[in-house]
């Protein structure tokens, strides 16, 4: 049976233990929001391990998520039983591999509400998807044109646009943020940030540092009012929030597989088909062509125009399984659990004297990434020290600038510690985090 070729209900059954979205009795046995986190955690074998003498508390899901057995088994099945190249071989395995690869595309399209699978382009990650946008959207730009981003962006949504401005002579401008970590829309309006010279607006939906959820639909309306294209980095949002790309307002949406319980090595760029059909190729090679002659070439229709060479076949199968898994759990449930566990974490972290949370301190309209600094007496504890001390007590977090150095500079700090949560995060792991932070603080006092 080829993974990824069935509808999502069948996929949930095929790729491991079936989770019926209506199984309220099982999933509702936990925290009162129709979600039993221990039931979910059984699907993630890595969460059963220990670090030294401590149970693993994996609180680094904004960096990469853990993978359920269903996804691992789908990839294993593909390699063991259906492995071949796609769109080339005329044999049975080639047909099965092609069906599985395109089945992954169909599953992702359903998961995000795309109008058709052809609007889903597979890349190797969200960074490549954003680079694709920066290369294909900017061919006609020149001096006097402007591209707008924000200071809260991941480097992957800053550097490609900086390079595009260097190539074209366009100017890069950006939204500032308020002290509580929200986009400063009032300042942007006063400065005329989005204006008739704006050609592209590219912002994150959910900040990977602050957890801030940005008003995407409002920003898209501002961009479209001046004829600009709206690009959205949804890497932190698609794994956490119910997503319907047809109502977001964005023209292009980038996200990555490994943050949504899928494999590494695969990302997604969704785009309106009419826009994709107008864009030139990003990379040249096999499969992205229509006809090749020594005097010139013509190119395939989207999405294959943007998928040069052998694609990430097994990864697409795994991503299709991940989309099926999350949809079977129910993204409304995932989002509700994320908000509940973030509320619990914010309360616990704010009980620690000397701990400063960056960004919104209320769980409403924020994602499950919480970054903070920590003082012990008169000492600012370095995030790398915090991360090492927490790791020694089984707690996995990230320390650094989280590929968002301009944002940290905006808040006058070099780096921070980030704890981030997902559908498998349990409240006892938050308690373990708080206890480990108190131990660290005491050590450095």
Protein backbone atom coordinates (compact mmCIF):
# COMPACT_ATOMS: atom_id res chain seq x y z
CA UNK A 1 0.00 0.00 0.00
CA UNK A 2 1.52 3.32 -1.03
CA UNK A 3 1.66 5.83 1.81
CA UNK A 4 -0.01 9.16 1.20
CA UNK A 5 -2.39 8.08 -1.57
CA UNK A 6 -5.57 7.91 0.51
CA UNK A 7 -7.80 10.44 2.17
CA UNK A 8 -6.90 11.66 5.63
CA UNK A 9 -9.22 9.34 7.51
CA UNK A 10 -7.63 6.32 5.82
CA UNK A 11 -4.18 7.82 6.28
CA UNK A 12 -4.65 8.11 10.04
CA UNK A 13 -5.48 4.41 10.19
CA UNK A 14 -2.70 3.38 7.82
CA UNK A 15 0.07 5.46 9.41
CA UNK A 16 -0.14 4.03 12.93
CA UNK A 17 -2.88 4.03 15.53
CA UNK A 18 -6.00 5.72 14.21
CA UNK A 19 -7.14 8.79 16.11
CA UNK A 20 -10.76 9.58 15.41
CA UNK A 21 -11.48 13.32 15.86
CA UNK A 22 -14.76 12.34 17.55
CA UNK A 23 -13.09 10.14 20.19
CA UNK A 24 -13.98 12.53 22.98
CA UNK A 25 -13.98 9.80 25.61
CA UNK A 26 -10.31 9.00 25.00
CA UNK A 27 -8.92 12.39 24.08
CA UNK A 28 -11.11 14.21 26.58
CA UNK A 29 -9.86 12.42 29.64
CA UNK A 30 -7.21 15.00 30.44
CA UNK A 31 -7.38 18.75 30.80
CA UNK A 32 -10.99 19.61 30.03
CA UNK A 33 -10.41 20.82 26.45
CA UNK A 34 -11.08 17.47 24.78
CA UNK A 35 -7.42 16.50 24.80
CA UNK A 36 -5.55 13.84 26.78
CA UNK A 37 -1.87 14.70 26.45
CA UNK A 38 -0.72 11.33 27.81
CA UNK A 39 -2.77 9.56 25.14
CA UNK A 40 -0.96 11.68 22.53
CA UNK A 41 2.45 11.19 24.14
CA UNK A 42 2.19 7.43 23.62
CA UNK A 43 2.64 8.12 19.90
CA UNK A 44 6.06 9.72 20.50
CA UNK A 45 8.51 7.07 21.78
CA UNK A 46 11.33 9.56 22.35
CA UNK A 47 9.30 11.23 25.10
CA UNK A 48 9.65 8.07 27.20
CA UNK A 49 13.43 8.36 27.50
CA UNK A 50 15.46 9.87 30.30
CA UNK A 51 18.40 12.27 30.42
CA UNK A 52 20.66 11.08 33.19
CA UNK A 53 18.36 10.31 36.09
CA UNK A 54 15.64 12.75 34.95
CA UNK A 55 12.70 12.19 32.61
CA UNK A 56 13.12 14.07 29.36
CA UNK A 57 11.12 17.31 29.26
CA UNK A 58 11.38 18.31 25.60
CA UNK A 59 10.60 22.04 25.48
CA UNK A 60 12.28 22.94 22.16
CA UNK A 61 9.50 22.31 19.67
CA UNK A 62 9.80 25.75 18.06
CA UNK A 63 13.24 24.54 16.99
CA UNK A 64 12.04 21.15 15.77
CA UNK A 65 9.15 18.95 16.81
CA UNK A 66 9.32 15.31 17.78
CA UNK A 67 7.88 12.71 15.39
CA UNK A 68 5.08 10.23 16.08
CA UNK A 69 5.51 6.58 15.22
CA UNK A 70 2.98 7.04 12.42
CA UNK A 71 5.31 9.38 10.52
CA UNK A 72 8.42 7.25 11.08
CA UNK A 73 6.56 4.13 9.97
CA UNK A 74 5.27 5.84 6.81
CA UNK A 75 8.82 6.77 5.79
CA UNK A 76 10.11 3.29 6.68
CA UNK A 77 7.35 1.64 4.65
CA UNK A 78 8.16 3.79 1.65
CA UNK A 79 11.86 2.97 1.70
CA UNK A 80 11.32 -0.75 2.38
CA UNK A 81 8.48 -1.38 -0.07
CA UNK A 82 8.02 1.42 -2.62
CA UNK A 83 11.36 3.17 -3.13
CA UNK A 84 11.95 4.53 -6.64
CA UNK A 85 12.36 7.88 -8.35
CA UNK A 86 9.24 9.82 -9.28
CA UNK A 87 7.87 10.88 -12.66
CA UNK A 88 10.63 8.99 -14.50
CA UNK A 89 10.32 5.23 -14.13
CA UNK A 90 7.67 3.32 -16.08
CA UNK A 91 7.70 0.36 -13.69
CA UNK A 92 5.45 -0.47 -10.74
CA UNK A 93 7.73 0.93 -8.04
CA UNK A 94 8.07 4.19 -9.97
CA UNK A 95 4.30 4.51 -10.24
CA UNK A 96 3.89 3.78 -6.52
CA UNK A 97 6.57 6.30 -5.55
CA UNK A 98 5.00 8.97 -7.76
CA UNK A 99 1.56 8.29 -6.31
CA UNK A 100 2.97 8.49 -2.77
CA UNK A 101 4.83 11.74 -3.48
CA UNK A 102 1.80 13.40 -5.04
CA UNK A 103 -0.34 11.92 -2.28
CA UNK A 104 1.80 13.82 0.21
CA UNK A 105 1.13 17.00 -1.75
CA UNK A 106 -2.61 16.31 -1.71
CA UNK A 107 -2.55 15.71 2.06
CA UNK A 108 -0.74 18.99 2.69
CA UNK A 109 -3.13 20.84 0.38
CA UNK A 110 -6.10 19.53 2.36
CA UNK A 111 -4.42 20.34 5.66
CA UNK A 112 -3.98 24.03 4.78
CA UNK A 113 -7.19 24.43 2.78
CA UNK A 114 -5.51 25.01 -0.59
CA UNK A 115 -7.83 25.26 -3.58
CA UNK A 116 -5.83 22.59 -5.41
CA UNK A 117 -2.70 20.47 -4.85
CA UNK A 118 -0.89 22.33 -7.64
CA UNK A 119 -0.67 25.34 -5.29
CA UNK A 120 1.66 23.35 -2.99
CA UNK A 121 5.36 23.52 -3.86
CA UNK A 122 7.81 21.28 -2.03
CA UNK A 123 11.13 22.83 -1.02
CA UNK A 124 13.81 21.58 1.35
CA UNK A 125 12.69 23.93 4.17
CA UNK A 126 10.96 27.24 4.84
CA UNK A 127 14.20 29.14 4.24
CA UNK A 128 14.35 27.83 0.67
CA UNK A 129 10.67 28.68 0.21
CA UNK A 130 11.30 32.28 1.28
CA UNK A 131 14.37 32.48 -0.94
CA UNK A 132 12.22 31.27 -3.82
CA UNK A 133 9.90 34.19 -3.16
CA UNK A 134 12.77 36.67 -2.91
CA UNK A 135 14.22 35.55 -6.23
CA UNK A 136 11.07 35.18 -8.30
CA UNK A 137 9.08 38.20 -7.08
CA UNK A 138 11.82 40.80 -7.45
CA UNK A 139 12.84 40.58 -11.10
CA UNK A 140 11.18 43.87 -12.02
CA UNK A 141 12.18 45.83 -8.93
CA UNK A 142 14.58 48.77 -9.01
CA UNK A 143 15.55 51.95 -7.23
CA UNK A 144 12.60 53.63 -5.56
CA UNK A 145 10.80 50.35 -4.89
CA UNK A 146 10.45 49.12 -1.32
CA UNK A 147 10.20 45.78 0.47
CA UNK A 148 8.72 45.71 3.97
CA UNK A 149 9.52 43.15 6.68
CA UNK A 150 9.56 43.42 10.49
CA UNK A 151 12.21 43.51 13.17
CA UNK A 152 10.75 40.34 14.71
CA UNK A 153 11.55 38.19 11.67
CA UNK A 154 13.65 35.05 11.64
CA UNK A 155 16.85 35.61 9.66
CA UNK A 156 15.32 33.51 6.88
CA UNK A 157 12.78 36.28 6.31
CA UNK A 158 15.35 39.08 6.48
CA UNK A 159 18.49 38.00 4.67
CA UNK A 160 16.83 36.90 1.37
CA UNK A 161 15.16 40.31 1.10
CA UNK A 162 18.42 42.11 1.95
CA UNK A 163 20.09 40.21 -0.89
CA UNK A 164 17.19 41.02 -3.20
CA UNK A 165 17.59 44.72 -2.41
CA UNK A 166 21.33 44.49 -3.14
CA UNK A 167 20.56 42.90 -6.52
CA UNK A 168 17.81 45.27 -7.55
CA UNK A 169 18.50 48.60 -5.85
CA UNK A 170 15.21 48.42 -3.93
CA UNK A 171 15.03 49.60 -0.31
CA UNK A 172 14.31 47.41 2.70
CA UNK A 173 12.08 48.89 5.41
CA UNK A 174 10.59 47.28 8.50
CA UNK A 175 7.93 47.35 11.19
CA UNK A 176 9.19 48.09 14.69
CA UNK A 177 7.68 46.36 17.74
CA UNK A 178 6.17 47.74 20.92
CA UNK A 179 7.68 47.06 24.33
CA UNK A 180 5.22 44.19 24.85
CA UNK A 181 6.32 42.55 21.61
CA UNK A 182 3.52 43.49 19.22
CA UNK A 183 3.98 45.01 15.78
CA UNK A 184 3.93 48.79 16.17
CA UNK A 185 1.15 49.45 13.68
CA UNK A 186 0.60 53.02 14.90
CA UNK A 187 4.22 53.95 14.26
CA UNK A 188 4.12 52.24 10.87
CA UNK A 189 1.03 54.21 9.89
CA UNK A 190 2.55 57.48 11.08
CA UNK A 191 5.70 56.84 9.06
CA UNK A 192 3.79 55.70 5.97
CA UNK A 193 5.63 52.40 6.04
CA UNK A 194 3.36 50.75 3.49
CA UNK A 195 2.87 53.13 0.59
CA UNK A 196 2.71 53.34 -3.20
CA UNK A 197 6.41 52.38 -3.43
CA UNK A 198 5.84 49.14 -1.49
CA UNK A 199 6.04 46.12 -3.77
CA UNK A 200 6.38 43.25 -1.28
CA UNK A 201 5.38 42.82 2.37
CA UNK A 202 6.86 39.73 4.06
CA UNK A 203 6.20 39.07 7.74
CA UNK A 204 5.88 36.21 10.17
CA UNK A 205 2.49 34.98 11.29
CA UNK A 206 3.77 33.84 14.72
CA UNK A 207 7.10 35.04 16.13
CA UNK A 208 9.55 32.27 16.95
CA UNK A 209 10.94 34.37 19.84
CA UNK A 210 8.04 36.38 21.26
CA UNK A 211 5.17 34.06 20.45
CA UNK A 212 3.31 37.08 19.07
CA UNK A 213 0.48 36.28 16.64
CA UNK A 214 0.43 39.01 14.02
CA UNK A 215 -2.76 40.37 12.39
CA UNK A 216 -2.10 38.73 9.04
CA UNK A 217 -5.39 39.54 7.36
CA UNK A 218 -5.09 43.21 8.29
CA UNK A 219 -1.51 43.38 7.02
CA UNK A 220 -2.47 41.67 3.77
CA UNK A 221 -5.25 44.20 3.23
CA UNK A 222 -2.75 47.05 3.72
CA UNK A 223 -0.38 45.45 1.23
CA UNK A 224 -3.04 44.79 -1.39
CA UNK A 225 -4.40 48.32 -1.05
CA UNK A 226 -1.16 49.61 -2.60
CA UNK A 227 -0.81 46.72 -5.04
CA UNK A 228 1.92 44.89 -3.09
CA UNK A 229 2.37 41.13 -2.82
CA UNK A 230 1.94 39.64 0.66
CA UNK A 231 4.36 36.88 1.72
CA UNK A 232 3.85 35.06 5.01
CA UNK A 233 6.34 33.05 7.05
CA UNK A 234 4.02 30.56 8.75
CA UNK A 235 6.69 28.21 10.11
CA UNK A 236 5.54 28.65 13.73
CA UNK A 237 1.85 29.01 12.90
CA UNK A 238 0.86 26.10 10.68
CA UNK A 239 1.97 23.53 13.31
CA UNK A 240 -0.09 25.25 16.02
CA UNK A 241 -3.13 26.88 14.45
CA UNK A 242 -5.97 25.79 12.18
CA UNK A 243 -4.93 27.15 8.79
CA UNK A 244 -7.02 28.06 5.76
CA UNK A 245 -4.79 29.76 3.22
CA UNK A 246 -7.79 30.92 1.21
CA UNK A 247 -8.92 33.23 4.04
CA UNK A 248 -5.56 34.47 5.36
CA UNK A 249 -5.18 37.11 2.69
CA UNK A 250 -1.55 36.24 1.93
CA UNK A 251 -0.45 35.56 -1.64
CA UNK A 252 2.40 33.21 -0.71
CA UNK A 253 2.81 31.19 2.51
CA UNK A 254 5.98 29.38 3.59
CA UNK A 255 6.32 26.75 6.30
CA UNK A 256 8.40 23.69 7.11
CA UNK A 257 7.71 20.03 7.79
CA UNK A 258 9.95 19.36 10.76
CA UNK A 259 8.08 21.74 13.07
CA UNK A 260 4.71 20.02 12.42
CA UNK A 261 5.69 16.46 13.50
CA UNK A 262 7.03 15.80 10.00
CA UNK A 263 10.52 14.95 8.77
CA UNK A 264 13.42 17.29 8.19
CA UNK A 265 14.46 18.07 4.63
CA UNK A 266 11.10 19.27 3.35
CA UNK A 267 9.32 22.62 3.38
CA UNK A 268 6.29 24.06 1.63
CA UNK A 269 5.50 27.16 -0.33
CA UNK A 270 1.81 27.65 -0.98
CA UNK A 271 0.79 30.26 -3.50
CA UNK A 272 -2.27 31.41 -5.38
CA UNK A 273 -2.12 29.44 -8.60
CA UNK A 274 -2.56 32.47 -10.84
CA UNK A 275 0.44 34.11 -9.16
CA UNK A 276 2.58 30.96 -9.31
CA UNK A 277 1.81 30.62 -13.02
CA UNK A 278 3.28 34.10 -13.61
CA UNK A 279 6.52 33.52 -11.68
CA UNK A 280 9.75 32.41 -13.36
CA UNK A 281 11.63 29.27 -12.25
CA UNK A 282 13.85 29.47 -9.20
CA UNK A 283 16.26 26.62 -10.02
CA UNK A 284 16.95 24.88 -13.31
CA UNK A 285 17.24 21.13 -13.90
CA UNK A 286 15.22 18.00 -14.43
CA UNK A 287 11.44 17.85 -14.08
CA UNK A 288 10.96 21.63 -13.98
CA UNK A 289 11.10 21.79 -17.76
CA UNK A 290 8.62 21.35 -20.59
CA UNK A 291 10.97 21.20 -23.61
CA UNK A 292 14.74 21.66 -23.62
CA UNK A 293 16.65 22.64 -26.75
CA UNK A 294 20.17 23.99 -27.03
CA UNK A 295 18.66 27.29 -28.17
CA UNK A 296 16.41 27.62 -25.14
CA UNK A 297 13.91 25.89 -22.86
CA UNK A 298 10.30 26.12 -21.82
CA UNK A 299 9.09 25.28 -18.35
CA UNK A 300 6.50 23.10 -16.65
CA UNK A 301 3.39 24.46 -14.99
CA UNK A 302 3.34 24.91 -11.22
CA UNK A 303 4.17 23.23 -8.93
CA UNK A 304 6.77 21.24 -10.88
CA UNK A 305 8.27 24.42 -12.37
CA UNK A 306 9.72 25.10 -8.93
CA UNK A 307 10.86 21.54 -8.08
CA UNK A 308 14.06 20.99 -10.02
CA UNK A 309 15.76 17.59 -9.83
CA UNK A 310 14.93 14.60 -7.68
CA UNK A 311 12.60 15.92 -4.98
CA UNK A 312 12.40 14.92 -1.29
CA UNK A 313 10.23 11.89 -2.01
CA UNK A 314 10.27 10.01 1.29
CA UNK A 315 10.08 13.32 3.13
CA UNK A 316 6.90 14.22 1.21
CA UNK A 317 5.43 10.86 2.19
CA UNK A 318 6.32 11.59 5.82
CA UNK A 319 4.90 15.10 5.63
CA UNK A 320 1.66 13.74 4.22
CA UNK A 321 1.52 11.36 7.16
CA UNK A 322 2.20 14.25 9.56
CA UNK A 323 -0.60 16.31 8.03
CA UNK A 324 -2.92 13.32 8.34
CA UNK A 325 -1.91 12.76 11.96
CA UNK A 326 -2.48 16.38 12.98
CA UNK A 327 -5.77 16.61 11.14
CA UNK A 328 -6.94 13.39 12.80
CA UNK A 329 -6.06 14.82 16.23
CA UNK A 330 -7.79 18.07 15.24
CA UNK A 331 -6.01 21.39 14.90
CA UNK A 332 -8.62 23.11 17.03
CA UNK A 333 -7.65 20.73 19.84
CA UNK A 334 -3.96 21.31 19.20
CA UNK A 335 -4.43 25.09 19.36
CA UNK A 336 -6.51 24.89 22.55
CA UNK A 337 -3.92 22.68 24.24
CA UNK A 338 -1.15 25.01 23.10
CA UNK A 339 -2.92 27.99 24.66
CA UNK A 340 -3.62 26.11 27.90
CA UNK A 341 -0.07 24.84 28.33
CA UNK A 342 1.32 28.29 27.46
CA UNK A 343 -0.94 29.89 30.07
CA UNK A 344 0.35 27.41 32.65
CA UNK A 345 3.96 28.09 31.64
CA UNK A 346 3.57 31.87 31.75
CA UNK A 347 2.14 31.64 35.27
CA UNK A 348 4.98 29.40 36.40
CA UNK A 349 7.73 31.49 34.84
CA UNK A 350 6.33 34.75 36.18
CA UNK A 351 6.48 33.30 39.70
CA UNK A 352 10.29 33.40 39.49
CA UNK A 353 11.81 36.66 40.73
CA UNK A 354 14.36 38.04 38.29
CA UNK A 355 12.86 36.33 35.24
CA UNK A 356 11.80 38.63 32.39
CA UNK A 357 9.55 37.35 29.64
CA UNK A 358 10.04 38.82 26.18
CA UNK A 359 6.79 39.53 24.38
CA UNK A 360 3.17 39.08 25.46
CA UNK A 361 2.69 37.78 28.98
CA UNK A 362 -0.90 36.63 28.45
CA UNK A 363 -1.71 33.42 26.54
CA UNK A 364 -4.34 35.05 24.32
CA UNK A 365 -3.19 35.74 20.76
CA UNK A 366 0.26 34.23 21.25
CA UNK A 367 1.98 31.03 20.25
CA UNK A 368 3.74 28.46 22.37
CA UNK A 369 7.27 29.90 22.30
CA UNK A 370 8.27 31.77 25.47
CA UNK A 371 11.65 33.52 25.57
CA UNK A 372 13.07 35.00 28.74
CA UNK A 373 16.12 36.32 30.57
CA UNK A 374 17.11 35.36 34.12
CA UNK A 375 18.90 37.23 36.88
CA UNK A 376 20.43 35.58 39.92
CA UNK A 377 21.01 38.32 42.48
CA UNK A 378 23.00 40.95 40.56
CA UNK A 379 24.12 38.46 37.87
CA UNK A 380 22.56 38.05 34.43
CA UNK A 381 22.77 34.31 33.82
CA UNK A 382 23.90 33.59 30.26
CA UNK A 383 21.31 31.63 28.24
CA UNK A 384 23.92 29.03 27.31
CA UNK A 385 24.56 28.40 31.02
CA UNK A 386 20.84 28.17 31.65
CA UNK A 387 20.38 25.69 28.81
CA UNK A 388 23.23 23.50 30.09
CA UNK A 389 21.97 23.53 33.68
CA UNK A 390 18.46 22.71 32.52
CA UNK A 391 19.72 19.92 30.28
CA UNK A 392 21.49 18.38 33.26
CA UNK A 393 18.05 18.11 34.86
CA UNK A 394 16.37 16.66 31.78
CA UNK A 395 14.89 19.88 30.37
CA UNK A 396 15.62 20.66 26.71
CA UNK A 397 15.36 24.36 25.80
CA UNK A 398 17.22 26.66 23.43
CA UNK A 399 19.65 29.41 24.36
CA UNK A 400 20.85 32.09 21.93
CA UNK A 401 19.27 34.66 19.64
CA UNK A 402 17.10 32.03 17.90
CA UNK A 403 18.06 33.29 14.42
CA UNK A 404 16.50 36.64 15.33
CA UNK A 405 19.42 38.85 16.32
CA UNK A 406 17.83 42.19 15.24
CA UNK A 407 14.88 41.52 17.55
CA UNK A 408 17.17 40.87 20.51
CA UNK A 409 19.07 44.07 19.76
CA UNK A 410 15.74 45.89 19.69
CA UNK A 411 15.17 44.78 23.30
CA UNK A 412 18.72 45.63 24.31
CA UNK A 413 19.89 42.09 24.95
CA UNK A 414 22.33 39.75 23.27
CA UNK A 415 20.37 36.54 23.63
CA UNK A 416 17.64 34.74 25.57
CA UNK A 417 16.46 31.34 26.70
CA UNK A 418 13.44 29.90 24.93
CA UNK A 419 11.05 27.20 26.06
CA UNK A 420 8.54 26.11 23.44
CA UNK A 421 5.62 23.72 23.62
CA UNK A 422 3.50 21.53 21.39
CA UNK A 423 0.63 19.06 21.37
CA UNK A 424 2.62 16.54 23.47
CA UNK A 425 3.76 18.97 26.19
CA UNK A 426 2.50 18.06 29.66
CA UNK A 427 2.07 20.35 32.66
CA UNK A 428 4.49 18.22 34.68
CA UNK A 429 7.19 19.21 32.17
CA UNK A 430 6.49 22.87 32.90
CA UNK A 431 6.86 22.13 36.60
CA UNK A 432 10.17 20.44 35.83
CA UNK A 433 11.27 23.56 33.91
CA UNK A 434 10.37 25.92 36.76
CA UNK A 435 12.12 23.74 39.34
CA UNK A 436 15.24 23.55 37.16
CA UNK A 437 15.27 27.32 36.69
CA UNK A 438 15.00 27.89 40.44
CA UNK A 439 17.91 25.49 40.96
CA UNK A 440 19.95 27.33 38.31
CA UNK A 441 19.15 30.70 39.82
CA UNK A 442 20.17 29.50 43.29
CA UNK A 443 23.46 28.15 41.94
CA UNK A 444 24.40 31.50 40.36
CA UNK A 445 23.24 33.63 43.30
